[in-house]
Structure formats: C-alpha cells, structure tokens
Amino acid sequence: MPTQRQIEAAKPGRIYYGEGLCLIVRPDGRRRWIFRFTSPLTHRVTETAIGAYPVFSYQQARDAILEMRRQLAQGKDPVQVKREQRGSLITFAQASDTWIDTFKTPWSASQMYNADLRLRKHGAALAAKLVANIDRNTIEAAIKPLMQECPKQAKKTLAMWRRVLDLSIDRGWRTSTNPASWAGCMANRFPDPFKNGRSHHAAMDYDRIPEFMRRLRPLRSTSAVVLECIILTMPHWRNKSGALERN
C-alpha cells in the first residue's frame, strides 16, 4: 500500500498498483485514479475514471474498483453501468435541451419555434419524467389530448419526441426500445392522421382550360407564371373523345 508521500512524490506518467488500479500524474502535478479492465461486451481494454487525488484516497480508489470488479464478474461493463446510472437521473426536459443544443446550429427561426412548441409546450406532460422510465402508456397519455385536437400536429410532435428518445438511447440514458416510434408502437393506438380521408385534388375539366388560361395570363405573380409555364410545357391534352390535341 503506497503512502501519501509516495503518491505525492510520483513523477508524471502512469503508476500501476495492481488489479487495474492506475494513478495518472500530469506534468502540472494533478493526479487522478483510473481503472483499466477488459470489457466483457467489447473484449477490449478499457479505462474509466474513478476520481482525482486527494479527493479519492488510495483506499477509496481500491474500494471503487472492488465494486467494478464485482460488475465484471457478473458480465457487466462498468462504463455502461455508469451511463445507465447517470441516465436514471435525466429528465425528458433535459434530454430535449441536449437534443436542441446538439442540432440547432443550422436551424431556421421556424425550425427553432417548432422544436420549442413540440418539445416544451406539447411535451410539458413529459418534462419532469425520467427518460429511463418513459414507456408506451406514458407517451400515449401525453400525446392523446393533442391527437384528439390536431392529429397531424400530434404525429409530427411524436416524431420529434422519438428523436429525443433516440438520442437518450444513444447516450445510454435509457436501454429499452423507443416508445414514441409510430410504426409498431403508436400506430397500434391511434389512426394515422395522414392517411384518413386523403384524396387528390379534383382535376379541371378539359373544356375549361382555355378560359382558365385567359384569366390566368393577366396575373403576373410568380405562382401564376409558374402555373402557366407548367400548362404550356405539357406535351399534349386529351379531349373528351380520347383524341390527342395540342394547346
């Protein structure tokens, strides 16, 4: 067991004390403990921080790696366990803020408004809930009022919730599947608002095209010019008898 004087007199570099415990001494004199181990998941040598010296004494560092060695014996990766423990304290509001901060750089003002609307306003019922504990019933209860009032907005909101929870899974804040996914999840609880009642716009009768063009031509707005261009560049029209006629 090294003494306090030996630890404080150690030169810059790495000093190994056995069973994976290592003291890293920086050139500026700062010292910190790490644990080196072979991950049972990746089978690679991995390091994880224990804490700085002297906040963590040698004995406290030994106690810390003892717990991590127990986790290894159970086939668990201590790094993954740490992530799950941190994730157990992350709320949906915190995860939403992290998602916004990660992706907001190229956003327009309207995109930022939509994120704020769907995550902070429509997601108010989820704000204080831990992302690790959010399940399908939680999502259904939170989105149901909006689904009844404005189903299309609700589905767009669900898509953004799904992205936040995808980020939470990637960061290790939750380990289960994404309960905000539409396919195979919310699609079994709500009808798809983008499929019900969908129909194409009615086509204009062929005989009305000439009159429509006469009324369209004096309008020189961008949309009117574009529409006229589309009509004029159509290769041909088919009249009521089925014969092809050029305009």
C-alpha atoms as a PDB file:
ATOM      1  CA  MET A   1       0.000   0.000   0.000  1.00  0.00           C
ATOM      2  CA  PRO A   2       1.612   3.307  -1.080  1.00  0.00           C
ATOM      3  CA  THR A   3       1.923   6.093   1.434  1.00  0.00           C
ATOM      4  CA  GLN A   4       0.598   9.601   0.891  1.00  0.00           C
ATOM      5  CA  ARG A   5       4.190  10.836   0.481  1.00  0.00           C
ATOM      6  CA  GLN A   6       4.910   8.232  -2.220  1.00  0.00           C
ATOM      7  CA  ILE A   7       1.774   9.150  -4.141  1.00  0.00           C
ATOM      8  CA  GLU A   8       2.538  12.869  -3.968  1.00  0.00           C
ATOM      9  CA  ALA A   9       6.193  12.306  -4.936  1.00  0.00           C
ATOM     10  CA  ALA A  10       5.287  10.272  -8.040  1.00  0.00           C
ATOM     11  CA  LYS A  11       6.669  11.672 -11.300  1.00  0.00           C
ATOM     12  CA  PRO A  12       4.484  12.418 -14.344  1.00  0.00           C
ATOM     13  CA  GLY A  13       3.240   9.280 -16.051  1.00  0.00           C
ATOM     14  CA  ARG A  14       1.248   6.188 -15.096  1.00  0.00           C
ATOM     15  CA  ILE A  15       1.742   4.166 -11.956  1.00  0.00           C
ATOM     16  CA  TYR A  16       0.034   0.775 -11.725  1.00  0.00           C
ATOM     17  CA  TYR A  17      -0.959  -0.623  -8.337  1.00  0.00           C
ATOM     18  CA  GLY A  18      -2.394  -3.961  -9.468  1.00  0.00           C
ATOM     19  CA  GLU A  19      -5.907  -5.275 -10.218  1.00  0.00           C
ATOM     20  CA  GLY A  20      -6.407  -2.498 -12.776  1.00  0.00           C
ATOM     21  CA  LEU A  21      -5.883   0.470 -10.436  1.00  0.00           C
ATOM     22  CA  CYS A  22      -3.735   3.169 -12.026  1.00  0.00           C
ATOM     23  CA  LEU A  23      -2.633   6.632 -10.918  1.00  0.00           C
ATOM     24  CA  ILE A  24      -2.125   9.163 -13.717  1.00  0.00           C
ATOM     25  CA  VAL A  25       0.216  12.002 -12.830  1.00  0.00           C
ATOM     26  CA  ARG A  26       0.101  15.036 -15.118  1.00  0.00           C
ATOM     27  CA  PRO A  27       3.070  17.367 -15.744  1.00  0.00           C
ATOM     28  CA  ASP A  28       1.261  20.117 -13.833  1.00  0.00           C
ATOM     29  CA  GLY A  29       1.135  17.870 -10.777  1.00  0.00           C
ATOM     30  CA  ARG A  30      -2.538  16.927 -10.895  1.00  0.00           C
ATOM     31  CA  ARG A  31      -3.294  13.294 -10.106  1.00  0.00           C
ATOM     32  CA  ARG A  32      -6.285  11.101 -10.813  1.00  0.00           C
ATOM     33  CA  TRP A  33      -7.220   7.453 -10.395  1.00  0.00           C
ATOM     34  CA  ILE A  34      -8.460   5.275 -13.242  1.00  0.00           C
ATOM     35  CA  PHE A  35      -9.480   1.642 -13.567  1.00  0.00           C
ATOM     36  CA  ARG A  36      -8.217  -0.431 -16.520  1.00  0.00           C
ATOM     37  CA  PHE A  37     -10.171  -3.540 -17.427  1.00  0.00           C
ATOM     38  CA  THR A  38     -11.208  -5.748 -20.324  1.00  0.00           C
ATOM     39  CA  SER A  39     -14.814  -5.081 -21.240  1.00  0.00           C
ATOM     40  CA  PRO A  40     -16.986  -8.219 -21.277  1.00  0.00           C
ATOM     41  CA  LEU A  41     -19.030  -6.586 -24.061  1.00  0.00           C
ATOM     42  CA  THR A  42     -16.330  -5.454 -26.492  1.00  0.00           C
ATOM     43  CA  HIS A  43     -13.464  -7.649 -25.175  1.00  0.00           C
ATOM     44  CA  ARG A  44     -11.165  -4.630 -25.421  1.00  0.00           C
ATOM     45  CA  VAL A  45      -9.013  -2.999 -22.758  1.00  0.00           C
ATOM     46  CA  THR A  46     -10.979  -0.012 -21.455  1.00  0.00           C
ATOM     47  CA  GLU A  47     -10.404   2.741 -18.929  1.00  0.00           C
ATOM     48  CA  THR A  48     -12.846   4.518 -16.680  1.00  0.00           C
ATOM     49  CA  ALA A  49     -12.234   7.394 -14.291  1.00  0.00           C
ATOM     50  CA  ILE A  50     -12.526   6.921 -10.541  1.00  0.00           C
ATOM     51  CA  GLY A  51     -11.710  10.404  -9.315  1.00  0.00           C
ATOM     52  CA  ALA A  52      -8.986  12.912  -8.534  1.00  0.00           C
ATOM     53  CA  TYR A  53      -6.401  12.539  -5.806  1.00  0.00           C
ATOM     54  CA  PRO A  54      -6.560  13.544  -2.936  1.00  0.00           C
ATOM     55  CA  VAL A  55     -10.368  13.739  -3.124  1.00  0.00           C
ATOM     56  CA  PHE A  56     -10.153   9.979  -3.551  1.00  0.00           C
ATOM     57  CA  SER A  57      -7.536   8.392  -1.329  1.00  0.00           C
ATOM     58  CA  TYR A  58      -5.749   5.196  -2.292  1.00  0.00           C
ATOM     59  CA  GLN A  59      -8.111   3.140  -0.135  1.00  0.00           C
ATOM     60  CA  GLN A  60     -11.203   4.818  -1.586  1.00  0.00           C
ATOM     61  CA  ALA A  61      -9.903   4.107  -5.087  1.00  0.00           C
ATOM     62  CA  ARG A  62      -9.398   0.427  -4.107  1.00  0.00           C
ATOM     63  CA  ASP A  63     -12.971   0.277  -2.800  1.00  0.00           C
ATOM     64  CA  ALA A  64     -14.257   1.763  -6.061  1.00  0.00           C
ATOM     65  CA  ILE A  65     -12.541  -0.811  -8.264  1.00  0.00           C
ATOM     66  CA  LEU A  66     -13.727  -3.596  -5.961  1.00  0.00           C
ATOM     67  CA  GLU A  67     -17.331  -2.714  -6.867  1.00  0.00           C
ATOM     68  CA  MET A  68     -16.442  -2.517 -10.573  1.00  0.00           C
ATOM     69  CA  ARG A  69     -14.709  -5.904 -10.407  1.00  0.00           C
ATOM     70  CA  ARG A  70     -17.942  -7.334  -8.997  1.00  0.00           C
ATOM     71  CA  GLN A  71     -19.768  -5.908 -12.010  1.00  0.00           C
ATOM     72  CA  LEU A  72     -17.234  -7.533 -14.354  1.00  0.00           C
ATOM     73  CA  ALA A  73     -17.755 -10.866 -12.617  1.00  0.00           C
ATOM     74  CA  GLN A  74     -21.471 -10.508 -13.431  1.00  0.00           C
ATOM     75  CA  GLY A  75     -20.686  -9.855 -17.094  1.00  0.00           C
ATOM     76  CA  LYS A  76     -21.438  -6.117 -16.855  1.00  0.00           C
ATOM     77  CA  ASP A  77     -19.332  -3.316 -18.300  1.00  0.00           C
ATOM     78  CA  PRO A  78     -18.644  -0.691 -15.567  1.00  0.00           C
ATOM     79  CA  VAL A  79     -18.717   2.108 -18.159  1.00  0.00           C
ATOM     80  CA  GLN A  80     -22.177   1.021 -19.328  1.00  0.00           C
ATOM     81  CA  VAL A  81     -23.342   0.758 -15.723  1.00  0.00           C
ATOM     82  CA  LYS A  82     -22.185   4.348 -15.105  1.00  0.00           C
ATOM     83  CA  ARG A  83     -24.090   5.578 -18.133  1.00  0.00           C
ATOM     84  CA  GLU A  84     -27.259   3.846 -17.002  1.00  0.00           C
ATOM     85  CA  GLN A  85     -26.905   5.315 -13.531  1.00  0.00           C
ATOM     86  CA  ARG A  86     -26.462   8.822 -14.959  1.00  0.00           C
ATOM     87  CA  GLY A  87     -29.369   8.247 -17.321  1.00  0.00           C
ATOM     88  CA  SER A  88     -31.634   7.296 -14.478  1.00  0.00           C
ATOM     89  CA  LEU A  89     -31.454  10.947 -13.403  1.00  0.00           C
ATOM     90  CA  ILE A  90     -32.018  12.564 -16.833  1.00  0.00           C
ATOM     91  CA  THR A  91     -35.485  14.020 -17.409  1.00  0.00           C
ATOM     92  CA  PHE A  92     -37.240  14.415 -20.739  1.00  0.00           C
ATOM     93  CA  ALA A  93     -36.811  18.199 -20.462  1.00  0.00           C
ATOM     94  CA  GLN A  94     -33.034  17.802 -20.003  1.00  0.00           C
ATOM     95  CA  ALA A  95     -32.825  15.330 -22.874  1.00  0.00           C
ATOM     96  CA  SER A  96     -34.836  17.740 -25.064  1.00  0.00           C
ATOM     97  CA  ASP A  97     -32.468  20.606 -24.246  1.00  0.00           C
ATOM     98  CA  THR A  98     -29.488  18.387 -25.115  1.00  0.00           C
ATOM     99  CA  TRP A  99     -31.092  17.384 -28.430  1.00  0.00           C
ATOM    100  CA  ILE A 100     -31.792  21.025 -29.310  1.00  0.00           C
ATOM    101  CA  ASP A 101     -28.273  22.136 -28.354  1.00  0.00           C
ATOM    102  CA  THR A 102     -26.798  19.315 -30.453  1.00  0.00           C
ATOM    103  CA  PHE A 103     -28.680  20.052 -33.681  1.00  0.00           C
ATOM    104  CA  LYS A 104     -29.836  23.698 -33.544  1.00  0.00           C
ATOM    105  CA  THR A 105     -26.841  25.291 -35.335  1.00  0.00           C
ATOM    106  CA  PRO A 106     -28.228  25.039 -38.905  1.00  0.00           C
ATOM    107  CA  TRP A 107     -31.865  25.625 -37.905  1.00  0.00           C
ATOM    108  CA  SER A 108     -34.012  28.479 -39.125  1.00  0.00           C
ATOM    109  CA  ALA A 109     -36.198  30.521 -36.781  1.00  0.00           C
ATOM    110  CA  SER A 110     -39.259  28.439 -37.756  1.00  0.00           C
ATOM    111  CA  GLN A 111     -37.446  25.176 -37.000  1.00  0.00           C
ATOM    112  CA  MET A 112     -36.453  26.501 -33.594  1.00  0.00           C
ATOM    113  CA  TYR A 113     -40.069  27.538 -32.992  1.00  0.00           C
ATOM    114  CA  ASN A 114     -41.319  24.052 -33.929  1.00  0.00           C
ATOM    115  CA  ALA A 115     -38.820  22.408 -31.581  1.00  0.00           C
ATOM    116  CA  ASP A 116     -39.882  24.674 -28.731  1.00  0.00           C
ATOM    117  CA  LEU A 117     -43.581  24.083 -29.478  1.00  0.00           C
ATOM    118  CA  ARG A 118     -43.383  20.283 -29.758  1.00  0.00           C
ATOM    119  CA  LEU A 119     -40.900  19.569 -27.006  1.00  0.00           C
ATOM    120  CA  ARG A 120     -41.606  22.214 -24.387  1.00  0.00           C
ATOM    121  CA  LYS A 121     -45.279  23.038 -24.884  1.00  0.00           C
ATOM    122  CA  HIS A 122     -46.745  19.789 -26.215  1.00  0.00           C
ATOM    123  CA  GLY A 123     -44.178  17.818 -24.199  1.00  0.00           C
ATOM    124  CA  ALA A 124     -44.967  19.539 -20.902  1.00  0.00           C
ATOM    125  CA  ALA A 125     -46.545  16.353 -19.525  1.00  0.00           C
ATOM    126  CA  LEU A 126     -43.230  14.529 -20.070  1.00  0.00           C
ATOM    127  CA  ALA A 127     -40.889  17.300 -18.905  1.00  0.00           C
ATOM    128  CA  ALA A 128     -40.237  16.036 -15.375  1.00  0.00           C
ATOM    129  CA  LYS A 129     -40.321  12.326 -16.229  1.00  0.00           C
ATOM    130  CA  LEU A 130     -37.060  10.374 -16.340  1.00  0.00           C
ATOM    131  CA  VAL A 131     -36.272   9.219 -19.872  1.00  0.00           C
ATOM    132  CA  ALA A 132     -35.291   5.816 -18.482  1.00  0.00           C
ATOM    133  CA  ASN A 133     -38.853   5.301 -17.201  1.00  0.00           C
ATOM    134  CA  ILE A 134     -40.918   6.599 -20.140  1.00  0.00           C
ATOM    135  CA  ASP A 135     -42.971   3.805 -21.695  1.00  0.00           C
ATOM    136  CA  ARG A 136     -45.743   3.476 -24.299  1.00  0.00           C
ATOM    137  CA  ASN A 137     -48.502   4.245 -21.830  1.00  0.00           C
ATOM    138  CA  THR A 138     -46.690   7.419 -20.760  1.00  0.00           C
ATOM    139  CA  ILE A 139     -46.345   8.550 -24.385  1.00  0.00           C
ATOM    140  CA  GLU A 140     -49.965   7.695 -25.192  1.00  0.00           C
ATOM    141  CA  ALA A 141     -51.304   9.655 -22.220  1.00  0.00           C
ATOM    142  CA  ALA A 142     -49.108  12.672 -23.068  1.00  0.00           C
ATOM    143  CA  ILE A 143     -49.998  12.831 -26.772  1.00  0.00           C
ATOM    144  CA  LYS A 144     -53.694  11.875 -26.570  1.00  0.00           C
ATOM    145  CA  PRO A 145     -55.118  15.395 -25.948  1.00  0.00           C
ATOM    146  CA  LEU A 146     -53.217  16.809 -28.927  1.00  0.00           C
ATOM    147  CA  MET A 147     -54.132  13.775 -31.062  1.00  0.00           C
ATOM    148  CA  GLN A 148     -57.818  14.497 -30.430  1.00  0.00           C
ATOM    149  CA  GLU A 149     -57.474  18.219 -31.139  1.00  0.00           C
ATOM    150  CA  CYS A 150     -54.982  18.269 -34.013  1.00  0.00           C
ATOM    151  CA  PRO A 151     -53.899  14.759 -35.087  1.00  0.00           C
ATOM    152  CA  LYS A 152     -51.456  15.844 -37.797  1.00  0.00           C
ATOM    153  CA  GLN A 153     -49.606  18.134 -35.399  1.00  0.00           C
ATOM    154  CA  ALA A 154     -49.646  15.283 -32.874  1.00  0.00           C
ATOM    155  CA  LYS A 155     -47.906  12.890 -35.264  1.00  0.00           C
ATOM    156  CA  LYS A 156     -45.240  15.492 -36.072  1.00  0.00           C
ATOM    157  CA  THR A 157     -44.771  16.034 -32.334  1.00  0.00           C
ATOM    158  CA  LEU A 158     -44.375  12.292 -31.786  1.00  0.00           C
ATOM    159  CA  ALA A 159     -41.660  12.213 -34.442  1.00  0.00           C
ATOM    160  CA  MET A 160     -39.690  14.836 -32.527  1.00  0.00           C
ATOM    161  CA  TRP A 161     -40.192  13.015 -29.225  1.00  0.00           C
ATOM    162  CA  ARG A 162     -38.849   9.908 -30.941  1.00  0.00           C
ATOM    163  CA  ARG A 163     -35.665  11.751 -31.947  1.00  0.00           C
ATOM    164  CA  VAL A 164     -35.116  12.935 -28.366  1.00  0.00           C
ATOM    165  CA  LEU A 165     -35.538   9.394 -27.039  1.00  0.00           C
ATOM    166  CA  ASP A 166     -33.266   8.042 -29.797  1.00  0.00           C
ATOM    167  CA  LEU A 167     -30.605  10.438 -28.518  1.00  0.00           C
ATOM    168  CA  SER A 168     -31.276   9.224 -24.972  1.00  0.00           C
ATOM    169  CA  ILE A 169     -30.706   5.627 -26.051  1.00  0.00           C
ATOM    170  CA  ASP A 170     -27.501   6.602 -27.864  1.00  0.00           C
ATOM    171  CA  ARG A 171     -26.214   8.445 -24.777  1.00  0.00           C
ATOM    172  CA  GLY A 172     -27.004   5.481 -22.558  1.00  0.00           C
ATOM    173  CA  TRP A 173     -29.736   7.319 -20.634  1.00  0.00           C
ATOM    174  CA  ARG A 174     -32.229   4.565 -21.419  1.00  0.00           C
ATOM    175  CA  THR A 175     -31.784   0.986 -22.565  1.00  0.00           C
ATOM    176  CA  SER A 176     -35.258  -0.072 -23.731  1.00  0.00           C
ATOM    177  CA  THR A 177     -36.783   0.491 -27.158  1.00  0.00           C
ATOM    178  CA  ASN A 178     -38.229   3.824 -28.252  1.00  0.00           C
ATOM    179  CA  PRO A 179     -41.875   4.124 -27.111  1.00  0.00           C
ATOM    180  CA  ALA A 180     -42.529   7.189 -29.281  1.00  0.00           C
ATOM    181  CA  SER A 181     -41.989   5.327 -32.556  1.00  0.00           C
ATOM    182  CA  TRP A 182     -45.019   5.350 -34.836  1.00  0.00           C
ATOM    183  CA  ALA A 183     -44.542   2.056 -36.686  1.00  0.00           C
ATOM    184  CA  GLY A 184     -45.292  -0.909 -34.456  1.00  0.00           C
ATOM    185  CA  CYS A 185     -45.942   1.321 -31.455  1.00  0.00           C
ATOM    186  CA  MET A 186     -48.227   4.378 -31.543  1.00  0.00           C
ATOM    187  CA  ALA A 187     -49.663   3.188 -34.885  1.00  0.00           C
ATOM    188  CA  ASN A 188     -51.381   0.450 -32.875  1.00  0.00           C
ATOM    189  CA  ARG A 189     -53.029   3.019 -30.596  1.00  0.00           C
ATOM    190  CA  PHE A 190     -54.038   5.881 -32.919  1.00  0.00           C
ATOM    191  CA  PRO A 191     -55.256   6.062 -36.536  1.00  0.00           C
ATOM    192  CA  ASP A 192     -52.773   7.620 -38.945  1.00  0.00           C
ATOM    193  CA  PRO A 193     -53.909  11.243 -39.466  1.00  0.00           C
ATOM    194  CA  PHE A 194     -52.064  11.458 -42.788  1.00  0.00           C
ATOM    195  CA  LYS A 195     -53.923   8.505 -44.313  1.00  0.00           C
ATOM    196  CA  ASN A 196     -57.505   9.007 -43.211  1.00  0.00           C
ATOM    197  CA  GLY A 197     -59.565  10.904 -45.773  1.00  0.00           C
ATOM    198  CA  ARG A 198     -56.609  11.581 -48.064  1.00  0.00           C
ATOM    199  CA  SER A 199     -57.635  12.335 -51.654  1.00  0.00           C
ATOM    200  CA  HIS A 200     -56.187  14.012 -54.718  1.00  0.00           C
ATOM    201  CA  HIS A 201     -57.243  17.499 -55.760  1.00  0.00           C
ATOM    202  CA  ALA A 202     -60.070  17.463 -58.274  1.00  0.00           C
ATOM    203  CA  ALA A 203     -58.915  17.798 -61.910  1.00  0.00           C
ATOM    204  CA  MET A 204     -60.146  20.712 -64.029  1.00  0.00           C
ATOM    205  CA  ASP A 205     -62.457  19.752 -66.882  1.00  0.00           C
ATOM    206  CA  TYR A 206     -60.726  19.880 -70.275  1.00  0.00           C
ATOM    207  CA  ASP A 207     -63.272  22.338 -71.744  1.00  0.00           C
ATOM    208  CA  ARG A 208     -62.465  24.904 -69.032  1.00  0.00           C
ATOM    209  CA  ILE A 209     -58.721  25.048 -69.777  1.00  0.00           C
ATOM    210  CA  PRO A 210     -58.864  27.803 -72.478  1.00  0.00           C
ATOM    211  CA  GLU A 211     -60.969  30.098 -70.295  1.00  0.00           C
ATOM    212  CA  PHE A 212     -58.734  29.372 -67.319  1.00  0.00           C
ATOM    213  CA  MET A 213     -55.655  30.323 -69.343  1.00  0.00           C
ATOM    214  CA  ARG A 214     -57.253  33.613 -70.474  1.00  0.00           C
ATOM    215  CA  ARG A 215     -57.932  34.516 -66.850  1.00  0.00           C
ATOM    216  CA  LEU A 216     -54.535  33.301 -65.655  1.00  0.00           C
ATOM    217  CA  ARG A 217     -52.372  35.189 -68.171  1.00  0.00           C
ATOM    218  CA  PRO A 218     -53.003  38.748 -66.898  1.00  0.00           C
ATOM    219  CA  LEU A 219     -51.878  37.670 -63.419  1.00  0.00           C
ATOM    220  CA  ARG A 220     -48.115  38.148 -63.339  1.00  0.00           C
ATOM    221  CA  SER A 221     -47.388  36.833 -59.860  1.00  0.00           C
ATOM    222  CA  THR A 222     -44.676  34.200 -59.519  1.00  0.00           C
ATOM    223  CA  SER A 223     -47.139  31.391 -58.825  1.00  0.00           C
ATOM    224  CA  ALA A 224     -49.309  32.396 -61.831  1.00  0.00           C
ATOM    225  CA  VAL A 225     -46.304  32.465 -64.175  1.00  0.00           C
ATOM    226  CA  VAL A 226     -45.074  29.100 -62.919  1.00  0.00           C
ATOM    227  CA  LEU A 227     -48.518  27.545 -63.340  1.00  0.00           C
ATOM    228  CA  GLU A 228     -48.803  28.932 -66.883  1.00  0.00           C
ATOM    229  CA  CYS A 229     -45.360  27.556 -67.705  1.00  0.00           C
ATOM    230  CA  ILE A 230     -46.332  24.106 -66.445  1.00  0.00           C
ATOM    231  CA  ILE A 231     -49.523  24.090 -68.509  1.00  0.00           C
ATOM    232  CA  LEU A 232     -47.812  25.333 -71.680  1.00  0.00           C
ATOM    233  CA  THR A 233     -45.000  22.817 -71.457  1.00  0.00           C
ATOM    234  CA  MET A 234     -47.346  19.854 -71.169  1.00  0.00           C
ATOM    235  CA  PRO A 235     -46.761  17.821 -74.336  1.00  0.00           C
ATOM    236  CA  HIS A 236     -50.448  17.457 -75.216  1.00  0.00           C
ATOM    237  CA  TRP A 237     -54.008  17.352 -73.954  1.00  0.00           C
ATOM    238  CA  ARG A 238     -56.539  14.617 -74.434  1.00  0.00           C
ATOM    239  CA  ASN A 239     -60.054  15.752 -75.388  1.00  0.00           C
ATOM    240  CA  LYS A 240     -63.309  14.065 -74.362  1.00  0.00           C
ATOM    241  CA  SER A 241     -63.317  11.769 -77.381  1.00  0.00           C
ATOM    242  CA  GLY A 242     -59.871  10.494 -76.465  1.00  0.00           C
ATOM    243  CA  ALA A 243     -58.019  12.161 -79.322  1.00  0.00           C
ATOM    244  CA  LEU A 244     -54.773  13.984 -78.574  1.00  0.00           C
ATOM    245  CA  GLU A 245     -54.798  17.735 -79.208  1.00  0.00           C
ATOM    246  CA  ARG A 246     -52.070  20.324 -78.757  1.00  0.00           C
ATOM    247  CA  ASN A 247     -52.906  23.510 -76.936  1.00  0.00           C
END
